[in-house]
Amino acid sequence: MSENTQSKKTRTGSVVNNRMEKSVVVLVERKVRHKLYGKYMKTSVKYLADDPENRCNIGDTVLIEECRPLSKKKRWRVRTILEQAV
């Protein structure tokens, strides 16, 4: 049997909502270059991530990784908290 050695996608973002049980909303911002004009634009995406121990608070910077579908919208899991909010 061959091993599937695909690495999981990871994203870094900040927690914007933690009102749910065992779930957080993570806002990931990135800069994308416009094809025609060359100007860099800021785009943002919100991901629903699994936080089983409810450790994340609003404002924390977290690292999330892709996982199997856990619910209708949850496909990411919080791996580590990089920086705690004040």
C-alpha atoms as a PDB file:
ATOM      1  CA  MET A   1       0.000   0.000   0.000  1.00  0.00           C
ATOM      2  CA  SER A   2       1.369   3.387  -0.952  1.00  0.00           C
ATOM      3  CA  GLU A   3       1.327   6.288   1.448  1.00  0.00           C
ATOM      4  CA  ASN A   4      -0.430   9.474   0.350  1.00  0.00           C
ATOM      5  CA  THR A   5       2.073  12.208   1.288  1.00  0.00           C
ATOM      6  CA  GLN A   6       0.104  15.311   0.393  1.00  0.00           C
ATOM      7  CA  SER A   7       0.685  18.166   2.798  1.00  0.00           C
ATOM      8  CA  LYS A   8      -2.336  19.909   4.273  1.00  0.00           C
ATOM      9  CA  LYS A   9      -3.020  23.537   3.421  1.00  0.00           C
ATOM     10  CA  THR A  10      -2.395  26.025   6.220  1.00  0.00           C
ATOM     11  CA  ARG A  11      -3.502  29.626   6.658  1.00  0.00           C
ATOM     12  CA  THR A  12      -2.696  32.308   9.234  1.00  0.00           C
ATOM     13  CA  GLY A  13      -5.420  34.686  10.349  1.00  0.00           C
ATOM     14  CA  SER A  14      -7.119  36.398  13.240  1.00  0.00           C
ATOM     15  CA  VAL A  15     -10.172  35.208  15.161  1.00  0.00           C
ATOM     16  CA  VAL A  16     -13.177  37.485  14.617  1.00  0.00           C
ATOM     17  CA  ASN A  17     -15.932  35.414  16.269  1.00  0.00           C
ATOM     18  CA  ASN A  18     -15.863  32.752  19.002  1.00  0.00           C
ATOM     19  CA  ARG A  19     -19.497  32.694  20.147  1.00  0.00           C
ATOM     20  CA  MET A  20     -20.109  29.130  18.951  1.00  0.00           C
ATOM     21  CA  GLU A  21     -19.323  25.954  20.870  1.00  0.00           C
ATOM     22  CA  LYS A  22     -16.049  24.396  19.651  1.00  0.00           C
ATOM     23  CA  SER A  23     -15.905  26.671  16.593  1.00  0.00           C
ATOM     24  CA  VAL A  24     -14.293  29.977  15.628  1.00  0.00           C
ATOM     25  CA  VAL A  25     -14.416  32.245  12.584  1.00  0.00           C
ATOM     26  CA  VAL A  26     -10.946  33.109  11.273  1.00  0.00           C
ATOM     27  CA  LEU A  27     -10.351  36.074   8.947  1.00  0.00           C
ATOM     28  CA  VAL A  28      -7.453  35.484   6.544  1.00  0.00           C
ATOM     29  CA  GLU A  29      -6.169  38.503   4.602  1.00  0.00           C
ATOM     30  CA  ARG A  30      -3.786  38.377   1.654  1.00  0.00           C
ATOM     31  CA  LYS A  31      -2.511  40.762  -0.982  1.00  0.00           C
ATOM     32  CA  VAL A  32      -3.284  39.943  -4.608  1.00  0.00           C
ATOM     33  CA  ARG A  33      -1.846  41.732  -7.627  1.00  0.00           C
ATOM     34  CA  HIS A  34      -4.386  43.023 -10.142  1.00  0.00           C
ATOM     35  CA  LYS A  35      -3.811  41.428 -13.576  1.00  0.00           C
ATOM     36  CA  LEU A  36      -4.244  44.536 -15.709  1.00  0.00           C
ATOM     37  CA  TYR A  37      -3.221  47.435 -13.480  1.00  0.00           C
ATOM     38  CA  GLY A  38      -0.584  45.754 -11.311  1.00  0.00           C
ATOM     39  CA  LYS A  39      -1.870  47.357  -8.119  1.00  0.00           C
ATOM     40  CA  TYR A  40      -1.885  45.187  -5.007  1.00  0.00           C
ATOM     41  CA  MET A  41      -5.313  44.726  -3.474  1.00  0.00           C
ATOM     42  CA  LYS A  42      -6.170  43.331  -0.084  1.00  0.00           C
ATOM     43  CA  THR A  43      -8.612  40.412  -0.162  1.00  0.00           C
ATOM     44  CA  SER A  44     -10.067  38.622   2.818  1.00  0.00           C
ATOM     45  CA  VAL A  45     -11.797  35.281   3.395  1.00  0.00           C
ATOM     46  CA  LYS A  46     -13.561  34.025   6.509  1.00  0.00           C
ATOM     47  CA  TYR A  47     -13.075  30.357   7.416  1.00  0.00           C
ATOM     48  CA  LEU A  48     -15.047  28.389  10.002  1.00  0.00           C
ATOM     49  CA  ALA A  49     -12.514  26.408  12.045  1.00  0.00           C
ATOM     50  CA  ASP A  50     -12.808  23.720  14.702  1.00  0.00           C
ATOM     51  CA  ASP A  51     -11.569  24.670  18.185  1.00  0.00           C
ATOM     52  CA  PRO A  52     -12.380  21.630  20.386  1.00  0.00           C
ATOM     53  CA  GLU A  53     -11.031  23.075  23.665  1.00  0.00           C
ATOM     54  CA  ASN A  54     -12.522  26.592  23.176  1.00  0.00           C
ATOM     55  CA  ARG A  55      -9.087  28.164  23.719  1.00  0.00           C
ATOM     56  CA  CYS A  56      -9.334  30.921  21.085  1.00  0.00           C
ATOM     57  CA  ASN A  57     -10.505  34.436  21.913  1.00  0.00           C
ATOM     58  CA  ILE A  58     -11.392  37.330  19.625  1.00  0.00           C
ATOM     59  CA  GLY A  59      -8.234  38.983  18.300  1.00  0.00           C
ATOM     60  CA  ASP A  60      -5.948  35.937  18.596  1.00  0.00           C
ATOM     61  CA  THR A  61      -3.672  35.153  15.656  1.00  0.00           C
ATOM     62  CA  VAL A  62      -4.009  31.456  14.826  1.00  0.00           C
ATOM     63  CA  LEU A  63      -2.681  28.896  12.378  1.00  0.00           C
ATOM     64  CA  ILE A  64      -5.413  26.745  10.813  1.00  0.00           C
ATOM     65  CA  GLU A  65      -5.024  23.633   8.693  1.00  0.00           C
ATOM     66  CA  GLU A  66      -7.306  21.885   6.254  1.00  0.00           C
ATOM     67  CA  CYS A  67      -9.102  18.729   7.405  1.00  0.00           C
ATOM     68  CA  ARG A  68     -11.994  16.488   6.452  1.00  0.00           C
ATOM     69  CA  PRO A  69     -15.462  18.071   6.471  1.00  0.00           C
ATOM     70  CA  LEU A  70     -16.632  18.319  10.090  1.00  0.00           C
ATOM     71  CA  SER A  71     -19.987  19.971   9.358  1.00  0.00           C
ATOM     72  CA  LYS A  72     -21.713  21.856   6.548  1.00  0.00           C
ATOM     73  CA  LYS A  73     -19.215  24.747   6.559  1.00  0.00           C
ATOM     74  CA  LYS A  74     -16.386  23.558   8.846  1.00  0.00           C
ATOM     75  CA  ARG A  75     -13.381  22.239   6.875  1.00  0.00           C
ATOM     76  CA  TRP A  76     -10.518  23.743   8.900  1.00  0.00           C
ATOM     77  CA  ARG A  77      -9.027  22.978  12.322  1.00  0.00           C
ATOM     78  CA  VAL A  78      -7.062  25.316  14.630  1.00  0.00           C
ATOM     79  CA  ARG A  79      -3.528  23.944  14.872  1.00  0.00           C
ATOM     80  CA  THR A  80      -1.841  26.530  17.129  1.00  0.00           C
ATOM     81  CA  ILE A  81      -2.422  29.934  18.640  1.00  0.00           C
ATOM     82  CA  LEU A  82       0.466  32.082  17.423  1.00  0.00           C
ATOM     83  CA  GLU A  83      -0.310  35.246  19.378  1.00  0.00           C
ATOM     84  CA  GLN A  84      -2.803  35.882  22.166  1.00  0.00           C
ATOM     85  CA  ALA A  85      -4.942  39.033  22.162  1.00  0.00           C
ATOM     86  CA  VAL A  86      -4.441  41.502  24.985  1.00  0.00           C
END
